[in-house]
Amino acid sequence: MRKTFFKGILLVATLFLGQFTYASEKENEGEAHGGDLKTEIKDYIFHHLKDSHDFSLFSYTKENGEHKYVGFPLPVILWDDGLKVFSSSKFHHGETLAEVDGNYYKLYHSKIYKTDAEGTINYDEEHHPTNVKPFDFSITKNVMMIIITGLLMLWLFSSLARSYAKNNGIPTGAGRFFEPIVLYIRDDIARPNIGEKRYKKYMPFLLTIFFFIWFLNMFGMTPLGINVTGNIAITTALAVLTFIITNFTGTKDYWMHQFDPLGKSLPWYGKIVLYIILVPIELLGLIIKPFSLLIRLYANMQAGHIVIGSLIGLMFVFKSWIGSPLSFGLAFAIMLIEVLVALLQAYIFTMLSALYFGFASEEHEHDHEHEVAH
């Protein structure tokens, strides 16, 4: 058991170090061009955090100076006066141009621009590219992991449902691990925050969003360069879904609270001044809620990747038998904490979504006694 555990640690360490080998090997070359190792490591960390049109596991430099990538290409799908589909291997990690139907495309800072046979990139006064940028519908690394995660969840919970049907409601296999989590989300998140009457219609979304974020966060902890939940576009899309469901399922009382927060406690002429302040604040809260969701998830996952990458990069800075093991040990400890953070962020996103759904489902008991009396 101990040998297997330490073999696993060595495997993870080897893969992570492979991600930074390029920075170490480029030290002399960087110094020759006026750069330094710290700049190389910084650039490599931010490159690791970005989405890409290919899936690179690690890279190394051969003795003859040739840089080799270990991974596989992904399909590039562009709309440029028609559909253009080709393999990202044509870019050779941004080192060459891709020629498709007489058009030339260049991969520049993880974005695809239309260019000429020489690969010319034109800039404006602020040094932003002015070349035409086709509509990009490519299957990038992040998109592929979203698809894989979706298929994994479909297979996993379909199997769980079949095991319930075959064993009279008793799960088997992996279902024994996931059933308590499903029950916890139902009994400790959905029911208390949404209410017994309406929680069931939100359960499919809450379960999906929890396991989707959790699985993607865990994939992000592997040395594969996956940073889906550290991409603000992804977290924005998830927050927008919560925003849409909250407001499209909101009850009459929920919307009355947004536009008439004081109710009948004051006469209409006494509310005018207060409403000038209260109503804009309530409406602003509709935007702040999803914004807090997307920023919290994005910032925590992005920061975790940066910290781990920086600590591993310090191994190549120290280059000593003392500093390098300490850096790796600290990085490994932070990785263990990030495993907890991966689960915690999925829980927080789900909990807050359930809380917002509970606000949207609120119903107040209306007093009809005065109407009957009259």
Protein backbone atom coordinates (compact mmCIF):
# COMPACT_ATOMS: atom_id res chain seq x y z
CA MET A 1 0.00 0.00 0.00
CA ARG A 2 2.79 2.43 0.93
CA LYS A 3 4.72 1.63 -2.25
CA THR A 4 1.64 2.30 -4.36
CA PHE A 5 1.02 5.59 -2.56
CA PHE A 6 4.57 6.84 -3.07
CA LYS A 7 4.54 5.70 -6.70
CA GLY A 8 1.42 7.83 -7.18
CA ILE A 9 3.17 10.83 -5.61
CA LEU A 10 6.20 10.36 -7.84
CA LEU A 11 4.00 10.10 -10.93
CA VAL A 12 2.16 13.32 -10.12
CA ALA A 13 5.45 15.04 -9.32
CA THR A 14 6.98 13.90 -12.61
CA LEU A 15 4.03 15.15 -14.65
CA PHE A 16 3.99 18.52 -12.91
CA LEU A 17 7.72 18.95 -13.30
CA GLY A 18 7.32 18.05 -16.96
CA GLN A 19 5.03 21.05 -17.32
CA PHE A 20 7.90 23.32 -16.20
CA THR A 21 10.83 21.61 -17.91
CA TYR A 22 10.57 24.03 -20.81
CA ALA A 23 11.10 27.00 -18.50
CA SER A 24 14.21 25.44 -17.01
CA GLU A 25 15.68 24.48 -20.38
CA LYS A 26 15.02 27.96 -21.75
CA GLU A 27 17.00 29.69 -18.99
CA ASN A 28 20.23 30.11 -20.95
CA GLU A 29 18.37 31.05 -24.10
CA GLY A 30 16.29 33.60 -22.18
CA GLU A 31 19.38 35.19 -20.63
CA ALA A 32 20.97 35.38 -24.08
CA HIS A 33 18.00 37.40 -25.29
CA GLY A 34 17.95 39.68 -22.26
CA GLY A 35 15.30 37.72 -20.38
CA ASP A 36 15.52 35.75 -17.13
CA LEU A 37 14.23 32.52 -15.69
CA LYS A 38 11.62 34.21 -13.48
CA THR A 39 10.03 35.84 -16.53
CA GLU A 40 10.01 32.50 -18.36
CA ILE A 41 8.30 30.80 -15.42
CA LYS A 42 5.74 33.60 -15.11
CA ASP A 43 4.92 33.39 -18.81
CA TYR A 44 4.63 29.62 -18.63
CA ILE A 45 2.25 29.77 -15.66
CA PHE A 46 -0.10 32.18 -17.43
CA HIS A 47 0.16 30.10 -20.60
CA HIS A 48 -0.84 27.08 -18.51
CA LEU A 49 -3.94 28.94 -17.27
CA LYS A 50 -5.17 29.88 -20.75
CA ASP A 51 -7.43 27.82 -22.95
CA SER A 52 -5.78 26.32 -26.04
CA HIS A 53 -6.62 24.72 -29.38
CA ASP A 54 -4.58 21.61 -28.59
CA PHE A 55 -4.12 19.32 -25.62
CA SER A 56 -0.50 19.37 -24.43
CA LEU A 57 0.48 17.07 -21.58
CA PHE A 58 4.07 18.32 -21.31
CA SER A 59 6.96 19.47 -23.49
CA TYR A 60 10.72 19.03 -23.69
CA THR A 61 13.68 20.19 -25.77
CA LYS A 62 15.87 17.71 -27.61
CA GLU A 63 19.66 17.92 -27.72
CA ASN A 64 19.54 19.55 -31.16
CA GLY A 65 17.35 22.36 -29.76
CA GLU A 66 14.11 21.07 -31.27
CA HIS A 67 11.15 21.67 -28.97
CA LYS A 68 8.79 18.68 -28.72
CA TYR A 69 5.23 18.66 -27.39
CA VAL A 70 3.53 15.55 -26.00
CA GLY A 71 -0.23 15.71 -26.51
CA PHE A 72 -2.77 15.67 -29.32
CA PRO A 73 -4.49 18.26 -31.57
CA LEU A 74 -8.13 19.32 -31.41
CA PRO A 75 -10.52 20.30 -34.22
CA VAL A 76 -10.58 23.96 -35.27
CA ILE A 77 -13.99 25.16 -36.48
CA LEU A 78 -14.11 28.66 -38.02
CA TRP A 79 -16.76 30.63 -39.87
CA ASP A 80 -15.06 32.83 -42.46
CA ASP A 81 -17.23 33.22 -45.58
CA GLY A 82 -18.21 29.63 -44.98
CA LEU A 83 -17.36 26.81 -42.61
CA LYS A 84 -13.65 26.00 -42.20
CA VAL A 85 -12.78 22.81 -40.32
CA PHE A 86 -9.21 21.58 -39.83
CA SER A 87 -6.86 20.16 -37.22
CA SER A 88 -5.02 22.45 -34.81
CA SER A 89 -1.85 20.52 -35.69
CA LYS A 90 -1.57 22.86 -38.70
CA PHE A 91 -0.61 25.65 -36.31
CA HIS A 92 2.13 23.53 -34.68
CA HIS A 93 1.50 25.32 -31.36
CA GLY A 94 1.49 28.75 -33.02
CA GLU A 95 4.80 28.28 -34.84
CA THR A 96 3.32 27.88 -38.35
CA LEU A 97 0.40 29.19 -40.40
CA ALA A 98 -2.67 27.16 -41.33
CA GLU A 99 -3.68 27.33 -44.99
CA VAL A 100 -7.32 26.41 -45.66
CA ASP A 101 -9.02 26.95 -49.04
CA GLY A 102 -6.46 29.57 -50.01
CA ASN A 103 -6.86 31.50 -46.73
CA TYR A 104 -4.13 31.83 -44.11
CA TYR A 105 -4.81 31.75 -40.38
CA LYS A 106 -2.42 32.42 -37.52
CA LEU A 107 -2.67 31.41 -33.86
CA TYR A 108 -1.63 34.51 -31.92
CA HIS A 109 -1.98 34.72 -28.11
CA SER A 110 -4.45 31.81 -28.12
CA LYS A 111 -6.69 33.54 -30.69
CA ILE A 112 -6.99 32.88 -34.42
CA TYR A 113 -6.53 35.75 -36.88
CA LYS A 114 -6.78 35.85 -40.65
CA THR A 115 -3.48 36.88 -42.23
CA ASP A 116 -1.38 36.63 -45.39
CA ALA A 117 1.17 34.06 -46.54
CA GLU A 118 3.87 35.78 -44.45
CA GLY A 119 1.76 35.71 -41.29
CA THR A 120 1.63 39.50 -40.93
CA ILE A 121 -0.16 40.85 -37.85
CA ASN A 122 -1.15 44.52 -37.97
CA TYR A 123 -1.54 46.61 -34.83
CA ASP A 124 -3.35 49.76 -33.78
CA GLU A 125 -1.91 52.57 -31.66
CA GLU A 126 -2.41 50.53 -28.46
CA HIS A 127 -0.64 47.52 -30.01
CA HIS A 128 -3.85 45.51 -30.38
CA PRO A 129 -4.15 43.26 -33.46
CA THR A 130 -6.36 44.70 -36.21
CA ASN A 131 -6.49 41.59 -38.40
CA VAL A 132 -9.86 40.03 -39.13
CA LYS A 133 -10.79 37.48 -36.45
CA PRO A 134 -13.15 34.76 -37.78
CA PHE A 135 -15.95 33.40 -35.62
CA ASP A 136 -14.29 30.64 -33.63
CA PHE A 137 -16.43 27.60 -32.71
CA SER A 138 -13.45 25.33 -32.12
CA ILE A 139 -13.37 22.39 -29.73
CA THR A 140 -10.73 23.81 -27.41
CA LYS A 141 -9.19 22.11 -24.39
CA ASN A 142 -11.78 23.59 -22.03
CA VAL A 143 -14.68 22.70 -24.33
CA MET A 144 -13.43 19.12 -24.61
CA MET A 145 -13.25 18.77 -20.82
CA ILE A 146 -16.78 20.16 -20.50
CA ILE A 147 -17.98 17.53 -22.98
CA ILE A 148 -16.06 14.76 -21.19
CA THR A 149 -17.46 15.88 -17.82
CA GLY A 150 -20.99 15.98 -19.22
CA LEU A 151 -20.67 12.47 -20.65
CA LEU A 152 -19.14 11.23 -17.39
CA MET A 153 -22.05 12.63 -15.39
CA LEU A 154 -24.58 11.17 -17.84
CA TRP A 155 -23.01 7.71 -17.58
CA LEU A 156 -22.51 7.90 -13.83
CA PHE A 157 -26.03 8.93 -12.86
CA SER A 158 -27.68 6.76 -15.50
CA SER A 159 -25.85 3.84 -13.92
CA LEU A 160 -26.96 5.01 -10.48
CA ALA A 161 -30.59 5.17 -11.62
CA ARG A 162 -30.38 1.67 -13.13
CA SER A 163 -28.89 0.29 -9.92
CA TYR A 164 -31.84 1.73 -7.98
CA ALA A 165 -34.27 0.04 -10.35
CA LYS A 166 -32.53 -3.33 -10.18
CA ASN A 167 -31.97 -3.43 -6.41
CA ASN A 168 -35.24 -2.02 -5.06
CA GLY A 169 -33.84 1.44 -4.31
CA ILE A 170 -30.49 0.25 -2.97
CA PRO A 171 -27.44 1.64 -4.82
CA THR A 172 -24.46 -0.50 -5.71
CA GLY A 173 -20.87 0.19 -6.70
CA ALA A 174 -20.05 3.88 -7.09
CA GLY A 175 -23.66 4.72 -6.23
CA ARG A 176 -22.90 4.00 -2.58
CA PHE A 177 -20.43 6.88 -2.61
CA PHE A 178 -22.59 9.37 -4.51
CA GLU A 179 -25.97 8.64 -2.88
CA PRO A 180 -25.11 10.36 0.45
CA ILE A 181 -23.95 13.44 -1.50
CA VAL A 182 -27.22 13.55 -3.46
CA LEU A 183 -29.22 13.18 -0.24
CA TYR A 184 -27.17 15.89 1.44
CA ILE A 185 -27.87 18.35 -1.39
CA ARG A 186 -31.58 17.51 -1.16
CA ASP A 187 -32.01 17.50 2.64
CA ASP A 188 -29.44 20.09 3.76
CA ILE A 189 -29.28 22.52 0.85
CA ALA A 190 -32.48 22.44 -1.23
CA ARG A 191 -35.17 21.82 1.39
CA PRO A 192 -34.03 24.33 4.04
CA ASN A 193 -33.34 27.15 1.57
CA ILE A 194 -36.13 26.69 -0.99
CA GLY A 195 -38.88 25.09 1.03
CA GLU A 196 -40.68 21.77 1.06
CA LYS A 197 -43.27 22.93 -1.46
CA ARG A 198 -40.99 24.02 -4.33
CA TYR A 199 -37.56 22.45 -3.85
CA LYS A 200 -38.16 19.47 -6.18
CA LYS A 201 -38.29 21.51 -9.39
CA TYR A 202 -34.85 22.98 -8.63
CA MET A 203 -33.16 19.71 -7.70
CA PRO A 204 -32.06 18.73 -11.25
CA PHE A 205 -30.21 22.02 -11.66
CA LEU A 206 -28.69 21.96 -8.16
CA LEU A 207 -27.39 18.41 -8.57
CA THR A 208 -26.05 19.14 -12.05
CA ILE A 209 -24.28 22.35 -11.07
CA PHE A 210 -22.71 20.79 -7.96
CA PHE A 211 -21.24 17.73 -9.65
CA PHE A 212 -20.35 19.68 -12.80
CA ILE A 213 -18.28 22.23 -10.87
CA TRP A 214 -16.81 19.62 -8.54
CA PHE A 215 -15.69 17.29 -11.34
CA LEU A 216 -14.20 20.16 -13.37
CA ASN A 217 -12.39 21.46 -10.29
CA MET A 218 -10.92 18.00 -9.68
CA PHE A 219 -9.85 17.68 -13.31
CA GLY A 220 -8.17 21.05 -12.86
CA MET A 221 -6.04 19.58 -10.07
CA THR A 222 -4.47 17.07 -12.46
CA PRO A 223 -1.22 17.93 -14.31
CA LEU A 224 -3.09 18.13 -17.64
CA GLY A 225 -3.23 21.91 -17.85
CA ILE A 226 -7.03 22.07 -17.48
CA ASN A 227 -8.38 25.29 -16.00
CA VAL A 228 -12.08 25.30 -16.92
CA THR A 229 -13.50 26.81 -13.72
CA GLY A 230 -10.61 29.30 -13.68
CA ASN A 231 -11.97 30.72 -16.95
CA ILE A 232 -14.23 33.70 -16.29
CA ALA A 233 -16.31 32.98 -19.40
CA ILE A 234 -17.28 29.58 -17.96
CA THR A 235 -18.13 30.88 -14.49
CA THR A 236 -20.12 33.72 -16.09
CA ALA A 237 -22.19 31.21 -18.07
CA LEU A 238 -22.92 29.20 -14.90
CA ALA A 239 -23.90 32.35 -12.98
CA VAL A 240 -26.15 33.51 -15.84
CA LEU A 241 -28.00 30.17 -15.67
CA THR A 242 -28.67 30.73 -11.98
CA PHE A 243 -29.75 34.30 -12.74
CA ILE A 244 -32.19 33.20 -15.47
CA ILE A 245 -33.74 30.39 -13.41
CA THR A 246 -34.09 32.65 -10.37
CA ASN A 247 -35.92 35.42 -12.20
CA PHE A 248 -37.99 33.31 -14.59
CA THR A 249 -39.35 31.17 -11.76
CA GLY A 250 -39.88 34.08 -9.38
CA THR A 251 -43.29 34.33 -7.73
CA LYS A 252 -45.54 37.37 -7.63
CA ASP A 253 -44.41 38.11 -4.08
CA TYR A 254 -40.77 37.97 -5.17
CA TRP A 255 -41.28 40.60 -7.87
CA MET A 256 -43.49 42.70 -5.59
CA HIS A 257 -40.59 42.77 -3.14
CA GLN A 258 -38.29 44.07 -5.90
CA PHE A 259 -40.57 46.94 -6.93
CA ASP A 260 -42.57 47.47 -3.72
CA PRO A 261 -40.23 46.53 -0.84
CA LEU A 262 -42.21 48.49 1.77
CA GLY A 263 -45.55 46.89 0.95
CA LYS A 264 -48.54 48.51 2.64
CA SER A 265 -46.62 49.77 5.67
CA LEU A 266 -46.65 53.35 4.37
CA PRO A 267 -49.05 55.39 2.23
CA TRP A 268 -48.00 55.98 -1.39
CA TYR A 269 -46.95 59.59 -0.81
CA GLY A 270 -44.67 58.48 2.04
CA LYS A 271 -42.92 55.92 -0.15
CA ILE A 272 -41.84 58.16 -3.00
CA VAL A 273 -38.60 59.38 -1.43
CA LEU A 274 -37.71 55.96 -0.06
CA TYR A 275 -38.40 54.26 -3.39
CA ILE A 276 -35.98 56.55 -5.18
CA ILE A 277 -33.29 54.81 -3.09
CA LEU A 278 -34.71 51.34 -2.35
CA VAL A 279 -35.93 50.21 -5.77
CA PRO A 280 -32.59 50.87 -7.56
CA ILE A 281 -30.79 49.02 -4.74
CA GLU A 282 -33.13 46.02 -5.07
CA LEU A 283 -32.69 45.96 -8.85
CA LEU A 284 -28.93 46.31 -8.49
CA GLY A 285 -29.01 43.30 -6.19
CA LEU A 286 -30.37 41.20 -9.06
CA ILE A 287 -27.07 41.78 -10.90
CA ILE A 288 -24.79 41.64 -7.87
CA LYS A 289 -25.95 38.13 -6.90
CA PRO A 290 -24.80 36.32 -10.07
CA PHE A 291 -21.71 38.55 -10.25
CA SER A 292 -20.64 37.39 -6.79
CA LEU A 293 -21.14 33.78 -7.87
CA LEU A 294 -18.93 34.04 -10.95
CA ILE A 295 -16.16 36.07 -9.30
CA ARG A 296 -15.94 33.81 -6.24
CA LEU A 297 -15.53 30.61 -8.26
CA TYR A 298 -13.22 32.18 -10.86
CA ALA A 299 -10.93 33.94 -8.38
CA ASN A 300 -10.50 30.97 -6.04
CA MET A 301 -9.69 28.44 -8.74
CA GLN A 302 -7.46 30.84 -10.70
CA ALA A 303 -5.53 31.81 -7.56
CA GLY A 304 -5.01 28.17 -6.61
CA HIS A 305 -3.43 27.35 -9.97
CA ILE A 306 -1.18 30.42 -9.82
CA VAL A 307 0.06 29.61 -6.30
CA ILE A 308 0.84 25.97 -7.12
CA GLY A 309 2.55 26.93 -10.39
CA SER A 310 4.62 29.58 -8.66
CA LEU A 311 5.77 27.21 -5.93
CA ILE A 312 6.80 24.58 -8.48
CA GLY A 313 8.57 27.26 -10.50
CA LEU A 314 10.63 28.18 -7.43
CA MET A 315 12.30 24.77 -7.67
CA PHE A 316 14.02 25.93 -10.86
CA VAL A 317 14.92 29.27 -9.28
CA PHE A 318 16.56 27.82 -6.14
CA LYS A 319 18.31 24.89 -7.85
CA SER A 320 19.48 23.56 -4.50
CA TRP A 321 18.98 20.45 -2.40
CA ILE A 322 17.30 22.57 0.28
CA GLY A 323 15.14 25.11 -1.55
CA SER A 324 13.79 22.80 -4.26
CA PRO A 325 12.46 20.03 -1.94
CA LEU A 326 10.93 22.68 0.33
CA SER A 327 9.19 24.30 -2.64
CA PHE A 328 7.87 20.96 -3.85
CA GLY A 329 6.71 19.98 -0.35
CA LEU A 330 4.85 23.26 0.06
CA ALA A 331 3.32 22.92 -3.41
CA PHE A 332 2.15 19.40 -2.55
CA ALA A 333 0.58 20.66 0.70
CA ILE A 334 -1.24 23.42 -1.17
CA MET A 335 -2.47 20.83 -3.68
CA LEU A 336 -4.05 18.84 -0.84
CA ILE A 337 -5.78 22.01 0.37
CA GLU A 338 -6.95 22.73 -3.19
CA VAL A 339 -8.65 19.33 -3.27
CA LEU A 340 -10.80 20.54 -0.36
CA VAL A 341 -11.29 23.93 -2.04
CA ALA A 342 -12.49 22.18 -5.21
CA LEU A 343 -15.31 20.56 -3.24
CA LEU A 344 -15.96 23.66 -1.13
CA GLN A 345 -16.42 25.92 -4.17
CA ALA A 346 -18.92 23.51 -5.69
CA TYR A 347 -20.81 23.48 -2.37
CA ILE A 348 -20.82 27.29 -2.05
CA PHE A 349 -22.04 27.82 -5.62
CA THR A 350 -24.84 25.29 -5.08
CA MET A 351 -25.77 26.66 -1.66
CA LEU A 352 -26.00 30.26 -2.89
CA SER A 353 -27.98 29.20 -5.97
CA ALA A 354 -30.45 27.40 -3.68
CA LEU A 355 -30.63 30.49 -1.48
CA TYR A 356 -31.47 32.68 -4.49
CA PHE A 357 -34.08 30.17 -5.63
CA GLY A 358 -35.57 30.33 -2.15
CA PHE A 359 -35.90 34.11 -2.46
CA ALA A 360 -37.60 33.67 -5.84
CA SER A 361 -40.03 31.10 -4.39
CA GLU A 362 -41.17 33.19 -1.44
CA GLU A 363 -44.89 33.43 -0.81
CA HIS A 364 -46.49 35.57 1.86
CA GLU A 365 -49.72 34.77 3.63
CA HIS A 366 -52.20 37.43 2.59
CA ASP A 367 -54.74 38.55 5.11
CA HIS A 368 -58.24 38.42 3.58
CA GLU A 369 -60.17 38.88 6.83
CA HIS A 370 -60.67 42.61 6.24
CA GLU A 371 -62.01 41.94 2.75
CA VAL A 372 -64.49 39.37 4.11
CA ALA A 373 -65.60 41.76 6.86
CA HIS A 374 -66.36 44.47 4.35
